[in-house]
Amino acid sequence: MLFIVCALSCEAKPLISALSLRKDTFGCPYDTFFAEDSSVVLTVSGMGTVLAASATTYLLTRFGFSPEKDFLINFGSCAGKEPGFHLINKITDEATGRSFYPDMLYDLSACGLSRSSEKALVTVSKVVASLEDPNVLYEMEASAVFLAASRFIPPHRMVFLKYVSDSGTDDPKKITAAMLQEGAEKQVSKVLSVLDYLKTIVEDDYAIDEDLFINTFLNLMASETMRHELRQLFRYAKAEGIDMEKILSDLENEGLYPVNSKREGKEVINVIRQRLI
């Protein structure tokens, strides 16, 4: 599964549209969208490191990220001296001085991201007015995404993709939602190419028991949103070598499964998650 974190809805909208993602209406603390086949889930964190860290943690824990199988992608805008779309190879947090390094194990040159497109990135707390180094980009979330995700994910399963939206400004109001959305739209084809490439790696690793899944889905009286969440839990169990059939058998022996209502189904899904993760 591909897990995507965007800071702003205007950055995420072109991807949501291109991927035909559906909004999760199941009481999420962040706007979250998912693909019908559960291959992609995207959340909009909000601006800044605190929200980015919280949303990343929420996304990875709720949907059961498998560190051996899945990928986390952070996509969004940044400031830079020259326009372009970049793969980030170093992230420095300005507030702490700490640097983080996504491992560049995959060749994305066929996706329009050659080695020359790689850049270093600095996460700052406010909009940068002037830029000096053409090889350094600036934005406000990436270090928090990396640090929060690193508790769950090895660096080679993280991909940071940034497009330059401006060359720095002393007036944040000059950076409009329309400007950011237009910048994201220009890069959608490249992002989709990256996602398709990563999907080929992910899909080779998954194969759940569809009959068991369908039976479980029906016995939990699950909504479409719950079905998506349940499928990811099945995939997580498969990736980790956990016997899902035994978990369901134990729940049945405990009188928790099957259920009599959608509310009970939601509670059982939470129990399954707790026993898996």
Protein backbone atom coordinates (compact mmCIF):
# COMPACT_ATOMS: atom_id res chain seq x y z
CA MET A 1 0.00 0.00 0.00
CA LEU A 2 1.11 3.55 -0.67
CA PHE A 3 0.66 6.03 2.18
CA ILE A 4 0.71 9.70 1.08
CA VAL A 5 0.99 12.75 3.34
CA CYS A 6 0.29 16.23 1.95
CA ALA A 7 0.31 19.36 4.07
CA LEU A 8 -2.44 21.27 2.26
CA SER A 9 -5.62 20.30 0.46
CA CYS A 10 -4.66 22.45 -2.54
CA GLU A 11 -1.49 20.33 -2.94
CA ALA A 12 -3.47 17.11 -2.57
CA LYS A 13 -6.47 17.88 -4.80
CA PRO A 14 -4.80 17.07 -8.15
CA LEU A 15 -3.66 13.69 -6.79
CA ILE A 16 -7.04 12.93 -5.24
CA SER A 17 -8.69 13.64 -8.58
CA ALA A 18 -6.15 11.78 -10.71
CA LEU A 19 -6.29 8.69 -8.49
CA SER A 20 -10.11 8.86 -8.02
CA LEU A 21 -9.67 8.69 -4.25
CA ARG A 22 -12.73 8.64 -2.01
CA LYS A 23 -13.02 10.57 1.23
CA ASP A 24 -13.05 8.56 4.44
CA THR A 25 -16.16 9.73 6.30
CA PHE A 26 -15.63 7.53 9.32
CA GLY A 27 -14.80 10.23 11.87
CA CYS A 28 -11.14 10.78 10.94
CA PRO A 29 -9.27 13.61 12.72
CA TYR A 30 -7.63 14.47 9.39
CA ASP A 31 -9.08 14.60 5.88
CA THR A 32 -8.23 11.14 4.58
CA PHE A 33 -8.87 9.64 1.14
CA PHE A 34 -8.42 6.12 -0.19
CA ALA A 35 -8.47 4.16 -3.43
CA GLU A 36 -11.30 1.72 -4.06
CA ASP A 37 -8.82 -1.17 -4.23
CA SER A 38 -7.06 -0.05 -1.02
CA SER A 39 -3.78 0.45 -2.88
CA VAL A 40 -3.44 4.12 -1.85
CA VAL A 41 -4.41 6.15 1.21
CA LEU A 42 -3.76 9.89 1.46
CA THR A 43 -4.11 12.27 4.38
CA VAL A 44 -3.95 16.07 4.54
CA SER A 45 -2.03 17.01 7.66
CA GLY A 46 -2.24 20.78 7.79
CA MET A 47 0.71 23.15 7.86
CA GLY A 48 3.67 22.88 10.23
CA THR A 49 5.67 20.21 12.02
CA VAL A 50 3.26 19.48 14.87
CA LEU A 51 0.34 18.68 12.58
CA ALA A 52 2.59 16.82 10.13
CA ALA A 53 3.98 14.54 12.86
CA SER A 54 0.55 13.87 14.33
CA ALA A 55 -1.09 13.12 10.97
CA THR A 56 1.76 10.84 9.90
CA THR A 57 1.54 8.84 13.12
CA TYR A 58 -2.24 8.60 12.79
CA LEU A 59 -2.05 7.43 9.18
CA LEU A 60 0.56 4.75 9.76
CA THR A 61 -1.01 3.32 12.92
CA ARG A 62 -4.62 3.37 11.81
CA PHE A 63 -4.02 1.64 8.49
CA GLY A 64 -1.30 -0.75 9.63
CA PHE A 65 1.83 0.21 7.71
CA SER A 66 4.02 -2.80 6.93
CA PRO A 67 7.69 -1.68 6.98
CA GLU A 68 8.72 -4.56 4.73
CA LYS A 69 6.02 -4.00 2.13
CA ASP A 70 4.56 -0.46 2.02
CA PHE A 71 5.83 3.00 1.11
CA LEU A 72 5.30 6.44 2.62
CA ILE A 73 5.32 9.37 0.19
CA ASN A 74 5.44 12.99 1.32
CA PHE A 75 4.34 15.24 -1.55
CA GLY A 76 4.08 19.01 -1.54
CA SER A 77 5.38 22.45 -2.39
CA CYS A 78 8.59 24.17 -1.39
CA ALA A 79 10.63 27.32 -2.02
CA GLY A 80 13.67 27.16 -4.28
CA LYS A 81 15.77 29.40 -6.47
CA GLU A 82 14.79 27.53 -9.63
CA PRO A 83 11.52 25.86 -10.69
CA GLY A 84 11.41 22.09 -10.80
CA PHE A 85 10.25 18.78 -9.33
CA HIS A 86 12.68 17.11 -6.95
CA LEU A 87 13.46 13.92 -5.08
CA ILE A 88 14.76 14.80 -1.61
CA ASN A 89 17.98 13.10 -0.45
CA LYS A 90 18.60 15.08 2.76
CA ILE A 91 16.23 16.77 5.21
CA THR A 92 17.49 19.21 7.84
CA ASP A 93 15.31 20.52 10.64
CA GLU A 94 16.24 24.16 11.12
CA ALA A 95 14.98 24.29 14.72
CA THR A 96 17.13 21.40 15.99
CA GLY A 97 19.90 21.25 13.41
CA ARG A 98 19.30 17.53 12.95
CA SER A 99 19.53 16.01 9.48
CA PHE A 100 17.77 12.94 8.11
CA TYR A 101 18.56 10.89 5.01
CA PRO A 102 15.96 8.94 3.04
CA ASP A 103 17.79 5.95 1.54
CA MET A 104 17.82 6.27 -2.24
CA LEU A 105 17.57 2.59 -3.17
CA TYR A 106 15.19 2.88 -6.10
CA ASP A 107 15.93 4.25 -9.55
CA LEU A 108 13.21 6.77 -10.39
CA SER A 109 14.88 8.14 -13.52
CA ALA A 110 12.16 6.61 -15.71
CA CYS A 111 9.67 8.69 -13.69
CA GLY A 112 11.39 11.96 -14.58
CA LEU A 113 13.52 12.04 -11.44
CA SER A 114 17.13 11.61 -12.47
CA ARG A 115 20.01 11.90 -10.02
CA SER A 116 20.38 15.54 -11.03
CA SER A 117 16.87 16.22 -9.70
CA GLU A 118 17.86 15.27 -6.14
CA LYS A 119 18.03 18.13 -3.66
CA ALA A 120 18.59 18.82 0.01
CA LEU A 121 15.67 20.26 1.95
CA VAL A 122 15.42 22.43 5.07
CA THR A 123 12.27 22.36 7.20
CA VAL A 124 11.60 25.83 8.61
CA SER A 125 8.97 27.32 10.90
CA LYS A 126 8.02 30.26 8.68
CA VAL A 127 8.13 31.32 5.06
CA VAL A 128 11.66 32.07 3.84
CA ALA A 129 12.18 35.53 2.36
CA SER A 130 15.50 35.08 0.56
CA LEU A 131 17.29 32.05 -0.83
CA GLU A 132 21.01 31.69 -1.36
CA ASP A 133 21.93 28.11 -2.28
CA PRO A 134 20.31 26.86 -5.52
CA ASN A 135 20.77 23.27 -4.31
CA VAL A 136 18.67 23.70 -1.15
CA LEU A 137 14.88 23.80 -0.89
CA TYR A 138 12.71 25.05 1.98
CA GLU A 139 9.33 23.95 3.37
CA MET A 140 7.58 23.39 6.73
CA GLU A 141 6.77 19.67 7.31
CA ALA A 142 9.24 17.11 5.92
CA SER A 143 11.50 16.71 8.97
CA ALA A 144 8.46 16.01 11.16
CA VAL A 145 7.09 13.48 8.67
CA PHE A 146 10.44 11.70 8.56
CA LEU A 147 10.95 11.71 12.33
CA ALA A 148 7.42 10.49 13.11
CA ALA A 149 7.56 7.84 10.37
CA SER A 150 11.01 6.60 11.42
CA ARG A 151 9.41 4.98 14.47
CA PHE A 152 7.61 2.63 12.09
CA ILE A 153 9.47 2.68 8.77
CA PRO A 154 13.03 2.16 7.54
CA PRO A 155 14.39 5.12 5.53
CA HIS A 156 14.33 3.20 2.24
CA ARG A 157 10.53 2.98 2.41
CA MET A 158 10.13 6.78 2.50
CA VAL A 159 10.00 8.98 -0.61
CA PHE A 160 9.91 12.78 -0.41
CA LEU A 161 8.74 14.57 -3.56
CA LYS A 162 8.69 18.38 -3.71
CA TYR A 163 7.85 20.89 -6.43
CA VAL A 164 9.09 24.48 -6.32
CA SER A 165 6.18 26.90 -5.98
CA ASP A 166 8.07 30.13 -5.29
CA SER A 167 11.55 31.57 -4.88
CA GLY A 168 10.96 32.93 -1.39
CA THR A 169 8.84 35.82 -0.18
CA ASP A 170 8.53 38.13 2.80
CA ASP A 171 4.73 38.07 2.46
CA PRO A 172 3.09 34.62 2.92
CA LYS A 173 -0.15 35.99 1.43
CA LYS A 174 1.55 36.05 -1.96
CA ILE A 175 1.63 32.24 -1.90
CA THR A 176 -1.99 31.45 -2.73
CA ALA A 177 -3.88 28.17 -2.71
CA ALA A 178 -4.48 28.57 -6.44
CA MET A 179 -0.73 28.93 -7.04
CA LEU A 180 0.05 25.80 -5.03
CA GLN A 181 -2.67 23.76 -6.72
CA GLU A 182 -1.52 24.83 -10.16
CA GLY A 183 2.03 23.78 -9.26
CA ALA A 184 0.82 20.38 -8.08
CA GLU A 185 -1.22 19.88 -11.25
CA LYS A 186 1.87 20.42 -13.38
CA GLN A 187 3.66 17.57 -11.57
CA VAL A 188 0.81 15.06 -11.30
CA SER A 189 1.96 12.94 -14.24
CA LYS A 190 5.40 12.50 -12.69
CA VAL A 191 3.94 11.71 -9.27
CA LEU A 192 1.64 9.10 -10.81
CA SER A 193 4.61 7.58 -12.59
CA VAL A 194 6.45 7.29 -9.25
CA LEU A 195 3.38 5.77 -7.59
CA ASP A 196 2.95 3.24 -10.40
CA TYR A 197 6.58 2.22 -10.05
CA LEU A 198 6.28 1.81 -6.28
CA LYS A 199 3.02 -0.13 -6.70
CA THR A 200 4.83 -2.76 -8.76
CA ILE A 201 7.13 -3.35 -5.80
CA VAL A 202 4.27 -3.43 -3.29
CA GLU A 203 1.85 -5.60 -5.28
CA ASP A 204 4.42 -8.34 -5.75
CA ASP A 205 4.37 -8.83 -1.98
CA TYR A 206 0.61 -9.09 -1.28
CA ALA A 207 -1.91 -11.90 -1.75
CA ILE A 208 -4.63 -12.20 0.86
CA ASP A 209 -7.25 -14.93 1.21
CA GLU A 210 -10.14 -13.22 -0.62
CA ASP A 211 -12.75 -15.76 0.49
CA LEU A 212 -11.83 -15.25 4.15
CA PHE A 213 -11.79 -11.49 3.66
CA ILE A 214 -15.25 -11.39 2.07
CA ASN A 215 -16.69 -13.64 4.77
CA THR A 216 -15.16 -11.43 7.47
CA PHE A 217 -16.40 -8.27 5.78
CA LEU A 218 -19.95 -9.61 5.76
CA ASN A 219 -19.81 -10.93 9.33
CA LEU A 220 -18.65 -7.50 10.57
CA MET A 221 -21.49 -5.70 8.73
CA ALA A 222 -18.76 -3.38 7.51
CA SER A 223 -19.28 -0.13 5.64
CA GLU A 224 -17.17 0.70 2.58
CA THR A 225 -14.74 2.65 4.75
CA MET A 226 -14.50 -0.23 7.23
CA ARG A 227 -13.96 -2.66 4.35
CA HIS A 228 -10.98 -0.59 3.17
CA GLU A 229 -9.52 -0.58 6.68
CA LEU A 230 -10.12 -4.31 7.08
CA ARG A 231 -8.39 -5.12 3.79
CA GLN A 232 -5.30 -3.26 4.92
CA LEU A 233 -5.30 -5.21 8.19
CA PHE A 234 -5.48 -8.45 6.18
CA ARG A 235 -2.53 -7.26 4.09
CA TYR A 236 -0.59 -6.32 7.18
CA ALA A 237 -1.21 -9.78 8.68
CA LYS A 238 -0.07 -11.39 5.43
CA ALA A 239 3.09 -9.29 5.32
CA GLU A 240 3.96 -10.04 8.94
CA GLY A 241 3.15 -13.75 8.74
CA ILE A 242 0.28 -13.49 11.26
CA ASP A 243 -2.56 -16.02 11.07
CA MET A 244 -5.68 -13.90 10.56
CA GLU A 245 -7.93 -16.96 10.53
CA LYS A 246 -6.77 -17.81 14.07
CA ILE A 247 -7.46 -14.26 15.27
CA LEU A 248 -11.00 -14.48 13.90
CA SER A 249 -11.47 -17.92 15.47
CA ASP A 250 -10.34 -16.56 18.84
CA LEU A 251 -12.78 -13.65 18.53
CA GLU A 252 -15.57 -16.09 17.72
CA ASN A 253 -14.73 -18.18 20.79
CA GLU A 254 -14.81 -15.00 22.87
CA GLY A 255 -18.29 -14.17 21.59
CA LEU A 256 -17.15 -11.03 19.78
CA TYR A 257 -17.60 -12.28 16.22
CA PRO A 258 -19.81 -12.31 14.13
CA VAL A 259 -21.47 -9.02 15.15
CA ASN A 260 -25.01 -7.76 15.31
CA SER A 261 -24.46 -4.16 14.22
CA LYS A 262 -22.12 -1.91 12.29
CA ARG A 263 -21.07 -0.28 15.57
CA GLU A 264 -19.99 -3.67 16.95
CA GLY A 265 -18.19 -4.32 13.67
CA LYS A 266 -16.17 -1.15 14.10
CA GLU A 267 -15.24 -2.20 17.64
CA VAL A 268 -14.10 -5.64 16.45
CA ILE A 269 -11.95 -4.07 13.72
CA ASN A 270 -10.25 -2.05 16.44
CA VAL A 271 -9.67 -5.26 18.43
CA ILE A 272 -8.17 -6.94 15.35
CA ARG A 273 -5.85 -3.98 14.87
CA GLN A 274 -4.71 -4.16 18.50
CA ARG A 275 -3.90 -7.85 18.17
CA LEU A 276 -1.99 -7.33 14.94
CA ILE A 277 0.04 -4.22 15.70
